[in-house]
Protein backbone atom coordinates (compact mmCIF):
# COMPACT_ATOMS: atom_id res chain seq x y z
CA UNK A 1 -46.34 -3.73 5.06
CA UNK A 2 -48.86 -1.46 6.72
CA UNK A 3 -51.29 -1.41 9.57
CA UNK A 4 -50.80 -1.81 13.29
CA UNK A 5 -51.48 -5.54 13.07
CA UNK A 6 -48.24 -5.89 11.11
CA UNK A 7 -46.20 -3.09 12.68
CA UNK A 8 -46.88 -4.00 16.33
CA UNK A 9 -45.36 -7.51 16.25
CA UNK A 10 -42.43 -6.21 14.16
CA UNK A 11 -41.58 -3.49 16.68
CA UNK A 12 -42.10 -5.96 19.52
CA UNK A 13 -39.59 -8.26 17.87
CA UNK A 14 -36.98 -5.49 17.68
CA UNK A 15 -37.63 -4.67 21.35
CA UNK A 16 -37.06 -8.35 22.17
CA UNK A 17 -33.75 -8.25 20.28
CA UNK A 18 -32.58 -5.25 22.29
CA UNK A 19 -33.65 -6.75 25.62
CA UNK A 20 -32.09 -10.07 24.68
CA UNK A 21 -28.80 -8.28 24.21
CA UNK A 22 -29.12 -6.24 27.43
CA UNK A 23 -31.85 -7.24 29.89
CA UNK A 24 -31.11 -4.22 32.10
CA UNK A 25 -32.53 -1.73 29.58
CA UNK A 26 -35.50 0.28 30.77
CA UNK A 27 -38.70 0.67 28.73
CA UNK A 28 -37.83 4.31 28.07
CA UNK A 29 -34.35 3.37 26.90
CA UNK A 30 -35.69 0.67 24.57
CA UNK A 31 -38.05 3.25 23.08
CA UNK A 32 -35.17 5.70 22.56
CA UNK A 33 -33.06 3.05 20.82
CA UNK A 34 -35.93 1.96 18.54
CA UNK A 35 -36.58 5.57 17.55
CA UNK A 36 -32.86 6.08 16.96
CA UNK A 37 -32.67 3.09 14.63
CA UNK A 38 -35.80 3.96 12.61
CA UNK A 39 -35.44 5.88 9.32
CA UNK A 40 -37.49 9.11 9.24
CA UNK A 41 -39.68 10.01 6.22
CA UNK A 42 -38.72 6.77 4.47
CA UNK A 43 -42.28 5.67 3.52
CA UNK A 44 -44.52 7.53 1.07
CA UNK A 45 -47.63 8.09 3.20
CA UNK A 46 -51.07 8.71 1.80
CA UNK A 47 -52.65 12.11 2.30
CA UNK A 48 -55.13 10.51 4.69
CA UNK A 49 -52.31 9.07 6.81
CA UNK A 50 -50.52 12.40 6.85
CA UNK A 51 -53.69 14.19 7.90
CA UNK A 52 -54.10 11.67 10.72
CA UNK A 53 -50.61 12.50 12.02
CA UNK A 54 -49.19 9.02 11.33
CA UNK A 55 -45.47 8.86 12.34
CA UNK A 56 -43.37 8.19 9.25
CA UNK A 57 -40.67 5.86 10.62
CA UNK A 58 -39.29 2.73 8.99
CA UNK A 59 -37.66 0.20 11.35
CA UNK A 60 -35.36 -2.62 10.25
CA UNK A 61 -34.57 -5.33 12.78
CA UNK A 62 -31.47 -7.49 12.81
CA UNK A 63 -28.87 -5.73 10.62
CA UNK A 64 -30.70 -2.43 11.02
CA UNK A 65 -29.92 -2.32 14.76
CA UNK A 66 -26.55 -4.07 14.65
CA UNK A 67 -24.74 -0.98 15.86
CA UNK A 68 -26.93 -0.88 19.00
CA UNK A 69 -26.57 -4.50 20.02
CA UNK A 70 -23.86 -6.43 21.80
CA UNK A 71 -21.62 -8.25 19.39
CA UNK A 72 -22.93 -11.72 18.59
CA UNK A 73 -21.28 -14.48 20.53
CA UNK A 74 -18.85 -16.59 18.60
CA UNK A 75 -20.02 -20.21 18.37
CA UNK A 76 -17.93 -22.51 20.56
CA UNK A 77 -14.77 -23.72 18.92
CA UNK A 78 -14.15 -27.45 18.60
CA UNK A 79 -12.12 -28.92 21.48
CA UNK A 80 -8.45 -28.05 21.26
CA UNK A 81 -5.51 -30.11 22.42
CA UNK A 82 -4.85 -29.68 26.17
CA UNK A 83 -1.73 -27.61 25.44
CA UNK A 84 -3.70 -24.93 23.56
CA UNK A 85 -5.58 -22.29 25.60
CA UNK A 86 -9.24 -21.63 24.68
CA UNK A 87 -9.93 -18.55 22.51
CA UNK A 88 -10.86 -15.38 24.41
CA UNK A 89 -14.60 -14.63 24.61
CA UNK A 90 -16.12 -11.91 22.47
CA UNK A 91 -16.37 -8.53 24.18
CA UNK A 92 -19.59 -6.49 24.43
CA UNK A 93 -20.30 -3.17 22.77
CA UNK A 94 -20.75 -0.08 24.96
CA UNK A 95 -23.02 2.72 23.69
CA UNK A 96 -22.47 6.35 24.68
CA UNK A 97 -25.47 8.62 24.03
CA UNK A 98 -24.22 11.65 26.04
CA UNK A 99 -27.67 12.00 27.62
CA UNK A 100 -26.09 13.36 30.83
CA UNK A 101 -23.49 15.51 29.10
CA UNK A 102 -20.04 14.89 27.66
CA UNK A 103 -17.92 14.99 30.81
CA UNK A 104 -20.45 12.83 32.68
CA UNK A 105 -19.77 10.06 30.16
CA UNK A 106 -16.80 8.26 31.69
CA UNK A 107 -13.60 8.58 29.68
CA UNK A 108 -14.78 11.41 27.40
CA UNK A 109 -13.33 14.92 27.18
CA UNK A 110 -13.69 17.81 24.74
CA UNK A 111 -11.82 20.95 23.80
CA UNK A 112 -8.48 20.04 25.33
CA UNK A 113 -4.94 19.59 24.06
CA UNK A 114 -1.91 21.71 23.25
CA UNK A 115 -2.54 24.06 21.58
CA UNK A 116 -6.03 24.32 23.03
CA UNK A 117 -8.91 23.23 20.81
CA UNK A 118 -12.60 24.09 20.95
CA UNK A 119 -15.24 22.02 22.72
CA UNK A 120 -18.25 20.24 21.29
CA UNK A 121 -21.60 21.40 22.71
CA UNK A 122 -24.29 19.05 24.00
CA UNK A 123 -27.97 19.13 22.95
CA UNK A 124 -30.55 16.99 24.74
CA UNK A 125 -33.39 17.64 22.31
CA UNK A 126 -34.25 19.78 19.31
CA UNK A 127 -32.19 21.75 16.82
CA UNK A 128 -29.00 23.78 16.97
CA UNK A 129 -29.33 27.58 17.36
CA UNK A 130 -28.25 28.42 13.80
CA UNK A 131 -30.69 28.03 10.86
CA UNK A 132 -29.76 26.17 7.65
CA UNK A 133 -27.19 24.02 9.42
CA UNK A 134 -26.95 21.32 12.08
CA UNK A 135 -29.58 18.72 13.06
CA UNK A 136 -33.19 19.66 13.76
CA UNK A 137 -33.43 16.72 16.19
CA UNK A 138 -31.53 13.71 17.46
CA UNK A 139 -31.15 10.40 15.64
CA UNK A 140 -34.58 9.11 14.65
CA UNK A 141 -36.27 12.42 15.51
CA UNK A 142 -35.39 12.69 19.21
CA UNK A 143 -32.63 12.18 21.73
CA UNK A 144 -29.34 13.86 22.63
CA UNK A 145 -26.31 14.60 20.47
CA UNK A 146 -23.13 16.67 20.57
CA UNK A 147 -22.19 19.23 17.94
CA UNK A 148 -19.60 21.82 16.92
CA UNK A 149 -21.10 25.31 17.13
CA UNK A 150 -19.41 27.27 14.33
CA UNK A 151 -21.03 30.67 14.83
CA UNK A 152 -19.02 33.84 15.71
CA UNK A 153 -16.43 34.14 17.21
CA UNK A 154 -15.27 30.91 15.55
CA UNK A 155 -13.33 31.34 12.29
CA UNK A 156 -12.28 29.14 9.40
CA UNK A 157 -9.79 26.46 10.42
CA UNK A 158 -10.75 26.36 14.13
CA UNK A 159 -10.45 22.81 15.48
CA UNK A 160 -13.05 21.11 17.70
CA UNK A 161 -12.07 17.86 19.49
CA UNK A 162 -14.01 15.12 21.26
CA UNK A 163 -11.72 12.46 22.75
CA UNK A 164 -12.36 9.03 24.28
CA UNK A 165 -9.61 7.43 26.38
CA UNK A 166 -10.75 3.86 25.66
CA UNK A 167 -11.14 3.03 29.35
CA UNK A 168 -14.08 0.67 28.81
CA UNK A 169 -11.62 -1.54 26.89
CA UNK A 170 -8.36 -0.85 28.71
CA UNK A 171 -10.02 -1.79 32.01
CA UNK A 172 -10.31 -5.36 30.72
CA UNK A 173 -6.88 -5.40 29.07
CA UNK A 174 -8.04 -4.73 25.51
CA UNK A 175 -7.96 -1.93 22.95
CA UNK A 176 -10.75 -0.26 21.02
CA UNK A 177 -11.37 -2.52 18.04
CA UNK A 178 -14.17 -0.77 16.13
CA UNK A 179 -16.42 2.22 16.70
CA UNK A 180 -19.88 2.85 15.23
CA UNK A 181 -21.43 6.32 15.36
CA UNK A 182 -24.04 8.57 13.75
CA UNK A 183 -22.97 11.86 12.15
CA UNK A 184 -24.90 14.85 10.81
CA UNK A 185 -23.11 17.25 8.42
CA UNK A 186 -25.60 19.72 6.94
CA UNK A 187 -24.71 23.24 5.82
CA UNK A 188 -23.41 25.20 2.85
CA UNK A 189 -19.90 25.58 4.30
CA UNK A 190 -19.27 22.31 6.10
CA UNK A 191 -15.71 21.62 7.18
CA UNK A 192 -14.04 18.22 7.67
CA UNK A 193 -14.80 15.59 10.33
CA UNK A 194 -11.93 13.19 11.09
CA UNK A 195 -11.55 10.18 13.38
CA UNK A 196 -7.99 9.74 14.64
CA UNK A 197 -6.34 6.94 16.64
CA UNK A 198 -4.02 7.26 19.63
CA UNK A 199 -1.05 7.91 17.32
CA UNK A 200 -2.86 10.84 15.72
CA UNK A 201 -3.35 8.98 12.45
CA UNK A 202 -6.58 9.68 10.54
CA UNK A 203 -8.57 6.43 10.22
CA UNK A 204 -11.75 8.00 8.80
CA UNK A 205 -12.47 11.38 7.22
CA UNK A 206 -15.40 13.14 5.56
CA UNK A 207 -15.95 16.71 4.41
CA UNK A 208 -18.62 18.84 2.74
CA UNK A 209 -22.41 19.00 2.91
CA UNK A 210 -23.89 15.50 3.46
CA UNK A 211 -27.54 16.59 3.55
CA UNK A 212 -30.01 17.22 6.34
CA UNK A 213 -30.07 13.69 7.78
CA UNK A 214 -28.24 11.39 10.14
CA UNK A 215 -25.87 8.75 8.78
CA UNK A 216 -24.25 5.78 10.52
CA UNK A 217 -20.76 4.42 9.90
CA UNK A 218 -18.44 1.84 11.48
CA UNK A 219 -14.73 2.61 11.68
CA UNK A 220 -11.82 0.25 12.38
CA UNK A 221 -9.84 1.81 15.24
CA UNK A 222 -7.46 -0.87 16.60
CA UNK A 223 -5.97 1.58 19.08
CA UNK A 224 -6.09 2.26 22.85
CA UNK A 225 -8.08 5.47 22.28
CA UNK A 226 -9.58 7.67 19.54
CA UNK A 227 -10.88 11.18 18.92
CA UNK A 228 -13.31 13.11 16.73
CA UNK A 229 -11.71 16.19 15.17
CA UNK A 230 -13.82 18.74 13.29
CA UNK A 231 -12.21 21.59 11.34
CA UNK A 232 -14.54 24.58 10.78
CA UNK A 233 -15.37 25.63 7.22
CA UNK A 234 -15.52 29.15 5.83
CA UNK A 235 -18.69 30.35 7.62
CA UNK A 236 -21.20 29.65 10.39
CA UNK A 237 -23.24 27.34 8.13
CA UNK A 238 -21.16 24.34 9.13
CA UNK A 239 -22.38 22.79 12.40
CA UNK A 240 -21.34 19.09 12.55
CA UNK A 241 -22.93 16.67 15.05
CA UNK A 242 -22.16 13.22 16.48
CA UNK A 243 -24.50 10.83 18.34
CA UNK A 244 -24.85 7.27 19.69
CA UNK A 245 -21.19 6.26 19.73
CA UNK A 246 -20.86 2.47 20.13
CA UNK A 247 -17.39 1.24 21.19
CA UNK A 248 -16.34 -2.39 20.67
CA UNK A 249 -13.28 -3.88 22.36
CA UNK A 250 -10.80 -6.38 21.00
CA UNK A 251 -7.15 -7.13 20.54
CA UNK A 252 -5.04 -4.56 18.76
CA UNK A 253 -3.59 -5.14 15.34
CA UNK A 254 -1.04 -7.96 15.32
CA UNK A 255 2.56 -6.86 15.51
CA UNK A 256 4.27 -6.55 12.17
CA UNK A 257 6.12 -9.68 11.18
CA UNK A 258 9.89 -9.29 10.90
CA UNK A 259 11.19 -8.81 7.41
CA UNK A 260 12.46 -12.01 5.82
CA UNK A 261 16.24 -12.28 5.65
CA UNK A 262 17.84 -10.98 2.51
CA UNK A 263 18.73 -13.70 0.02
CA UNK A 264 22.42 -14.50 -0.22
CA UNK A 265 24.33 -12.43 -2.72
CA UNK A 266 24.67 -14.09 -6.09
CA UNK A 267 28.19 -14.82 -7.22
CA UNK A 268 29.65 -12.12 -9.41
CA UNK A 269 29.07 -12.83 -13.08
CA UNK A 270 32.01 -12.46 -15.47
CA UNK A 271 32.23 -9.34 -17.58
CA UNK A 272 31.08 -10.29 -21.08
CA UNK A 273 31.50 -6.97 -22.88
CA UNK A 274 33.84 -3.99 -22.81
CA UNK A 275 35.73 -1.36 -24.75
CA UNK A 276 39.33 -0.49 -25.51
CA UNK A 277 40.94 2.93 -25.42
CA UNK A 278 41.41 4.83 -28.67
CA UNK A 279 44.84 4.48 -30.17
CA UNK A 280 46.93 6.35 -32.79
CA UNK A 281 50.46 5.22 -33.69
CA UNK A 282 52.74 6.29 -36.54
CA UNK A 283 55.80 4.27 -35.49
CA UNK A 284 56.51 1.87 -38.33
CA UNK A 285 57.21 -1.70 -37.10
CA UNK A 286 56.73 -5.28 -38.15
CA UNK A 287 56.03 -6.45 -34.60
CA UNK A 288 52.65 -6.55 -32.86
CA UNK A 289 52.21 -3.83 -30.26
CA UNK A 290 50.47 -4.63 -26.97
CA UNK A 291 47.41 -2.45 -26.72
CA UNK A 292 44.22 -3.79 -25.03
CA UNK A 293 44.45 -6.75 -22.59
CA UNK A 294 41.08 -7.98 -21.27
CA UNK A 295 40.73 -7.84 -17.45
CA UNK A 296 40.91 -11.10 -15.51
CA UNK A 297 37.18 -11.10 -14.67
CA UNK A 298 36.39 -10.83 -18.39
CA UNK A 299 38.10 -14.08 -19.39
CA UNK A 300 35.63 -16.83 -20.37
CA UNK A 301 35.88 -20.04 -18.36
CA UNK A 302 33.93 -22.04 -20.95
CA UNK A 303 34.08 -22.32 -24.69
CA UNK A 304 33.00 -18.95 -26.03
CA UNK A 305 32.37 -16.95 -29.17
CA UNK A 306 33.91 -13.42 -29.26
CA UNK A 307 33.21 -10.54 -31.66
CA UNK A 308 34.48 -6.96 -31.88
CA UNK A 309 33.90 -3.77 -33.86
CA UNK A 310 35.86 -0.56 -34.39
CA UNK A 311 36.44 2.51 -36.52
CA UNK A 312 39.95 2.44 -38.04
CA UNK A 313 42.20 3.80 -40.78
CA UNK A 314 45.83 3.87 -41.97
CA UNK A 315 46.76 7.04 -43.85
CA UNK A 316 49.80 5.55 -45.57
CA UNK A 317 49.46 5.09 -49.32
CA UNK A 318 52.14 2.57 -50.07
CA UNK A 319 53.61 -0.59 -48.62
CA UNK A 320 52.11 -2.67 -45.83
CA UNK A 321 48.94 -1.36 -44.13
CA UNK A 322 48.18 -1.79 -40.42
CA UNK A 323 46.19 -4.70 -38.93
CA UNK A 324 44.59 -5.76 -35.62
CA UNK A 325 44.83 -9.22 -34.04
CA UNK A 326 43.60 -11.14 -30.98
CA UNK A 327 46.08 -13.19 -28.95
CA UNK A 328 45.02 -15.98 -26.55
CA UNK A 329 47.68 -17.13 -24.08
CA UNK A 330 50.34 -15.61 -26.33
CA UNK A 331 49.15 -17.27 -29.55
CA UNK A 332 47.53 -15.26 -32.34
CA UNK A 333 44.02 -16.71 -32.85
CA UNK A 334 42.58 -14.03 -35.13
CA UNK A 335 43.86 -11.35 -37.55
CA UNK A 336 41.75 -8.83 -39.42
CA UNK A 337 41.28 -10.26 -42.91
CA UNK A 338 41.63 -6.83 -44.51
CA UNK A 339 44.20 -4.09 -44.08
CA UNK A 340 43.27 -0.79 -42.49
CA UNK A 341 41.52 1.49 -45.02
CA UNK A 342 42.77 4.93 -45.94
CA UNK A 343 39.70 6.68 -44.43
CA UNK A 344 37.90 6.14 -41.10
CA UNK A 345 35.73 3.06 -41.68
CA UNK A 346 33.62 0.73 -39.54
CA UNK A 347 34.93 -2.82 -39.15
CA UNK A 348 33.01 -5.71 -37.60
CA UNK A 349 34.66 -9.05 -36.99
CA UNK A 350 33.09 -12.42 -37.46
CA UNK A 351 32.72 -14.88 -34.59
CA UNK A 352 36.03 -15.92 -33.01
CA UNK A 353 35.81 -19.21 -31.11
CA UNK A 354 37.81 -19.45 -27.89
CA UNK A 355 38.76 -22.55 -25.92
CA UNK A 356 37.68 -22.94 -22.29
CA UNK A 357 40.02 -21.80 -19.54
CA UNK A 358 41.88 -19.05 -21.39
CA UNK A 359 44.33 -17.29 -19.05
CA UNK A 360 45.11 -14.25 -21.16
CA UNK A 361 43.32 -12.40 -23.96
CA UNK A 362 44.80 -9.30 -25.58
CA UNK A 363 44.15 -7.21 -28.68
CA UNK A 364 47.28 -5.99 -30.49
CA UNK A 365 47.96 -3.98 -33.65
CA UNK A 366 50.76 -3.51 -36.14
CA UNK A 367 51.53 -0.23 -37.94
CA UNK A 368 51.88 -0.35 -41.70
CA UNK A 369 55.34 -0.37 -43.16
CA UNK A 370 56.68 2.27 -45.49
CA UNK A 371 56.55 6.04 -45.38
CA UNK A 372 53.74 8.06 -43.84
CA UNK A 373 51.80 5.21 -42.24
CA UNK A 374 49.80 6.02 -39.10
CA UNK A 375 47.15 3.65 -37.73
CA UNK A 376 44.14 5.12 -35.89
CA UNK A 377 41.63 2.97 -33.91
CA UNK A 378 38.54 4.44 -32.18
CA UNK A 379 35.22 3.23 -30.75
CA UNK A 380 36.60 -0.26 -30.18
CA UNK A 381 34.07 -2.58 -28.45
CA UNK A 382 34.15 -6.32 -27.76
CA UNK A 383 31.77 -8.95 -26.32
CA UNK A 384 31.61 -12.68 -25.88
CA UNK A 385 28.96 -15.32 -25.13
CA UNK A 386 29.15 -19.00 -24.13
CA UNK A 387 29.41 -21.38 -27.02
CA UNK A 388 26.74 -24.07 -26.71
CA UNK A 389 28.09 -27.47 -27.65
CA UNK A 390 26.26 -29.09 -30.55
CA UNK A 391 27.81 -32.52 -30.11
CA UNK A 392 26.92 -35.41 -27.83
CA UNK A 393 29.46 -38.14 -27.14
CA UNK A 394 28.83 -41.60 -25.74
CA UNK A 395 31.59 -43.91 -24.50
CA UNK A 396 30.72 -47.60 -24.50
CA UNK A 397 32.67 -50.56 -23.13
CA UNK A 398 31.74 -53.83 -24.78
CA UNK A 399 32.69 -56.87 -22.66
CA UNK A 400 35.59 -54.86 -21.21
CA UNK A 401 37.52 -55.55 -24.41
CA UNK A 402 37.04 -52.47 -26.52
CA UNK A 403 36.06 -48.85 -25.84
CA UNK A 404 33.90 -47.04 -28.39
CA UNK A 405 33.40 -43.26 -28.65
CA UNK A 406 30.48 -41.99 -30.69
CA UNK A 407 29.70 -38.32 -31.22
CA UNK A 408 27.06 -36.49 -33.20
């Protein structure tokens, strides 16, 4: 839209918004805030308008001046039960423009700390002393700002600090909730601008050349205080500036919830696989030799299916060859169906079914009879798994005279 007939009521409406939020504002202050919120050189003016000296400023009401207004009031909550206290009212936003200097702005300090840091400088109007860096004017083309002067004798890595103690919030028992500010970072060797909370944690950071213009940003602080920290770049072409800092109060972040209790430890599961030590025996005997008992925690408590594998041999050439067997509660329940081969060979058993509640399981071997026999067993491994029942039985009592059992 163009023309004073459209622009005048629009600007008047923005002025009404500002005065509605703070009726104590002076006319001069309202003008400063409107100029600060307007975008410079946003509209493509005609040559005739340029020749007439028409100001090129584009003003957006409502959201465009949100950072300069008090926070909107929360609509009243529905009535709560008498036992519940009403919610706390929203807190206003306080704007610091540094028009009277940094130290004159209550709660602000610059260039302090251990080790000592460098101070921000204050500019009421106009540009910084160095060309090709820093703002040429305040936000919107006029007004004060503070900046880090990076000319000699400053060197790369020097730290500038601007700290706010949060007193506007702590005086009413609150912390700094959010902070909105304008920054200007123009220059070939810009450093890094950080915002830190009271714990020294970086909550916002930006580095490098951001162009010759002002930018606005809102940062979540949730801390009693905060600070701007600017680290100088590699040369004097790195003046960074800050203006129109708006501080909003609120409750701090909620305390961290306690960690949920650890779940109870699961009962130890039985061991379902294992190995046996290698064995070599050349003592000829007809009796089974105890060799590899399974540990107590490896015994199945339900019906199970067990398998094993091994490398084995018996070097004897005549007479009885060696064998391996599995004993359950002293009874032999499985014997290798073949005798040990003459050369080292892999053997894998079939499934061996075991009854529930076995109290003892043990692998044993017997050495072949005759001359020169020597059994060798290596890489022995066993495992078992529960045996799922495939039958279903039903017991029926017909007229209390006869009991029937049916299984499938």
